[in-house]
Amino acid sequence: LPASFPYPLILLQHMPATFTPSFAERLNSQCQIRVKQAANNDTLQAGTAYLAPGGNQLLLKGRPGRLYLQIERGSEAETYRPSIDVTLSSVCKICPATTLTIILTGMGADGCEGSKKMYALGGAVWAQDQQSSTIYGMPMAVAKAGLVEKIIPLDAIGPMIFDEAG
């Protein structure tokens, strides 16, 4: 995506807290858009991707035009921290119909429940295809649930996001 990309992005990856700061730095060094580890009260800016800190939940707060992030520890009972389902539930309260959710390779079904809510409220859901996925669990869960508008190879996702934003 170009540095001038007109929307913010939220990235969630099931990673331990010790890895997410360096992962965000690495992505930032390789991407044209700005990538940073999300911090509490970050105001969402166009052309910036916010990586959820490992071991925490990331929630969207505010209102359209004034969106910010809240970082919470979450419960020890939660399987994933960050959890895509938790984040998407918070997005559903503010701007579901203007949000694109993309579920990439991963084990399990995190993201399926949140995608159901997004889909029901008019949000678009895409999934990575099986051929380009290392583990097809998460994309398969949303595809089998009938929630995806597009199933896309990994190398085509960036250009398709850019085209959609155009």
Protein backbone atom coordinates (compact mmCIF):
# COMPACT_ATOMS: atom_id res chain seq x y z
CA LEU A 1 0.00 0.00 0.00
CA PRO A 2 1.31 3.49 -0.78
CA ALA A 3 2.19 5.99 1.96
CA SER A 4 -0.80 8.03 0.78
CA PHE A 5 -3.27 5.20 1.54
CA PRO A 6 -6.44 7.05 2.62
CA TYR A 7 -7.50 4.81 5.53
CA PRO A 8 -6.09 3.49 8.81
CA LEU A 9 -5.54 -0.23 9.28
CA ILE A 10 -5.74 -2.37 12.40
CA LEU A 11 -3.57 -5.49 12.45
CA LEU A 12 -4.09 -8.37 14.85
CA GLN A 13 -1.72 -11.28 15.08
CA HIS A 14 -1.62 -13.98 17.71
CA MET A 15 1.89 -13.21 19.00
CA PRO A 16 3.40 -12.90 22.46
CA ALA A 17 3.95 -9.39 23.84
CA THR A 18 7.72 -9.82 23.55
CA PHE A 19 7.51 -10.10 19.75
CA THR A 20 5.02 -7.43 18.68
CA PRO A 21 7.23 -4.33 19.15
CA SER A 22 10.00 -5.71 16.92
CA PHE A 23 7.46 -7.11 14.45
CA ALA A 24 5.87 -3.65 14.11
CA GLU A 25 9.33 -2.09 13.59
CA ARG A 26 10.19 -4.67 10.94
CA LEU A 27 6.93 -4.09 9.08
CA ASN A 28 7.46 -0.33 9.32
CA SER A 29 10.90 -0.68 7.73
CA GLN A 30 9.47 -2.72 4.84
CA CYS A 31 6.20 -0.91 4.12
CA GLN A 32 5.41 2.42 2.53
CA ILE A 33 2.61 3.06 5.02
CA ARG A 34 3.56 3.71 8.64
CA VAL A 35 3.32 0.66 10.91
CA LYS A 36 3.46 0.95 14.69
CA GLN A 37 2.53 -1.06 17.71
CA ALA A 38 -0.80 0.30 18.90
CA ALA A 39 -0.78 2.32 22.10
CA ASN A 40 -3.64 3.29 24.37
CA ASN A 41 -5.54 6.31 23.01
CA ASP A 42 -3.84 6.28 19.59
CA THR A 43 -6.02 8.32 17.24
CA LEU A 44 -6.46 6.49 13.95
CA GLN A 45 -4.71 8.22 11.05
CA ALA A 46 -4.89 7.48 7.34
CA GLY A 47 -1.89 5.60 5.97
CA THR A 48 -1.00 4.09 9.36
CA ALA A 49 -1.33 0.47 10.44
CA TYR A 50 -1.71 -0.22 14.15
CA LEU A 51 -0.48 -3.63 15.32
CA ALA A 52 -2.25 -4.90 18.43
CA PRO A 53 0.22 -5.48 21.27
CA GLY A 54 0.57 -9.15 22.16
CA GLY A 55 -1.08 -10.27 25.38
CA ASN A 56 -3.73 -7.52 25.22
CA GLN A 57 -7.08 -6.80 23.64
CA LEU A 58 -7.40 -3.92 21.20
CA LEU A 59 -10.72 -2.06 21.09
CA LEU A 60 -11.95 0.64 18.73
CA LYS A 61 -13.54 3.59 20.52
CA GLY A 62 -14.91 7.01 19.60
CA ARG A 63 -17.14 7.86 16.67
CA PRO A 64 -16.67 8.05 12.89
CA GLY A 65 -14.23 10.86 12.17
CA ARG A 66 -12.72 10.61 15.68
CA LEU A 67 -11.66 7.00 16.20
CA TYR A 68 -9.10 5.93 18.76
CA LEU A 69 -7.75 2.71 20.24
CA GLN A 70 -8.05 1.36 23.74
CA ILE A 71 -5.70 -1.34 24.97
CA GLU A 72 -6.98 -3.66 27.69
CA ARG A 73 -5.35 -6.59 29.39
CA GLY A 74 -8.36 -8.84 28.86
CA SER A 75 -9.19 -11.95 30.80
CA GLU A 76 -6.77 -14.81 31.40
CA ALA A 77 -9.65 -17.07 30.31
CA GLU A 78 -9.59 -15.62 26.78
CA THR A 79 -7.91 -17.99 24.35
CA TYR A 80 -6.45 -15.20 22.23
CA ARG A 81 -5.05 -11.84 23.30
CA PRO A 82 -5.36 -10.06 20.97
CA SER A 83 -8.56 -11.61 19.70
CA ILE A 84 -9.98 -10.68 16.33
CA ASP A 85 -13.49 -11.40 17.62
CA VAL A 86 -13.06 -8.95 20.51
CA THR A 87 -11.73 -6.21 18.23
CA LEU A 88 -14.42 -6.74 15.60
CA SER A 89 -17.12 -6.59 18.28
CA SER A 90 -15.87 -3.12 19.21
CA VAL A 91 -15.78 -2.06 15.53
CA CYS A 92 -19.40 -3.24 15.14
CA LYS A 93 -20.49 -0.64 17.70
CA ILE A 94 -19.07 2.25 15.65
CA CYS A 95 -18.51 1.68 11.93
CA PRO A 96 -19.23 -1.86 10.71
CA ALA A 97 -20.65 -0.96 7.31
CA THR A 98 -17.55 1.05 6.35
CA THR A 99 -15.05 -1.56 7.53
CA LEU A 100 -13.27 -4.20 5.48
CA THR A 101 -12.25 -7.28 7.47
CA ILE A 102 -9.61 -9.59 6.00
CA ILE A 103 -8.93 -12.94 7.66
CA LEU A 104 -5.48 -14.33 6.89
CA THR A 105 -3.77 -17.65 7.54
CA GLY A 106 -3.95 -19.00 11.08
CA MET A 107 -5.03 -21.84 13.30
CA GLY A 108 -8.49 -21.97 14.83
CA ALA A 109 -11.55 -19.84 14.13
CA ASP A 110 -10.77 -16.51 15.82
CA GLY A 111 -12.42 -13.87 13.67
CA CYS A 112 -15.43 -15.95 12.63
CA GLU A 113 -17.83 -14.66 15.31
CA GLY A 114 -16.73 -11.06 14.80
CA SER A 115 -17.02 -11.46 11.03
CA LYS A 116 -20.59 -12.74 11.46
CA LYS A 117 -21.46 -9.53 13.29
CA MET A 118 -19.64 -7.38 10.70
CA TYR A 119 -21.34 -9.17 7.81
CA ALA A 120 -24.80 -8.81 9.40
CA LEU A 121 -24.21 -5.07 9.80
CA GLY A 122 -23.08 -4.52 6.21
CA GLY A 123 -19.31 -4.87 6.57
CA ALA A 124 -17.26 -6.63 3.89
CA VAL A 125 -15.28 -9.76 4.78
CA TRP A 126 -12.50 -11.22 2.66
CA ALA A 127 -10.40 -14.31 3.32
CA GLN A 128 -7.02 -15.55 2.18
CA ASP A 129 -7.25 -18.55 -0.13
CA GLN A 130 -6.23 -22.05 0.92
CA GLN A 131 -3.37 -22.33 -1.57
CA SER A 132 -1.46 -19.34 -0.18
CA SER A 133 -2.30 -20.01 3.49
CA THR A 134 0.21 -21.75 5.73
CA ILE A 135 -2.65 -22.84 7.99
CA TYR A 136 -6.11 -22.50 6.47
CA GLY A 137 -8.09 -22.66 9.75
CA MET A 138 -9.14 -19.03 10.25
CA PRO A 139 -9.89 -18.18 6.60
CA MET A 140 -11.66 -21.53 6.18
CA ALA A 141 -13.91 -20.82 9.19
CA VAL A 142 -15.26 -17.57 7.71
CA ALA A 143 -15.51 -19.08 4.22
CA LYS A 144 -17.45 -22.13 5.46
CA ALA A 145 -19.75 -19.82 7.43
CA GLY A 146 -20.66 -18.11 4.14
CA LEU A 147 -19.38 -14.72 5.28
CA VAL A 148 -16.77 -13.89 2.64
CA GLU A 149 -17.25 -11.65 -0.33
CA LYS A 150 -13.87 -12.59 -1.80
CA ILE A 151 -11.34 -15.40 -1.33
CA ILE A 152 -7.97 -14.07 -2.42
CA PRO A 153 -4.35 -15.25 -2.80
CA LEU A 154 -2.00 -13.50 -0.38
CA ASP A 155 -0.07 -11.61 -3.07
CA ALA A 156 -3.28 -10.13 -4.49
CA ILE A 157 -4.67 -8.76 -1.21
CA GLY A 158 -2.65 -5.51 -1.13
CA PRO A 159 -3.54 -4.48 -4.70
CA MET A 160 -7.19 -5.37 -4.11
CA ILE A 161 -7.31 -3.28 -0.92
CA PHE A 162 -5.84 -0.36 -2.84
CA ASP A 163 -8.36 -0.81 -5.68
CA GLU A 164 -11.23 -1.00 -3.19
CA ALA A 165 -10.07 2.18 -1.47
CA GLY A 166 -9.87 4.04 -4.80
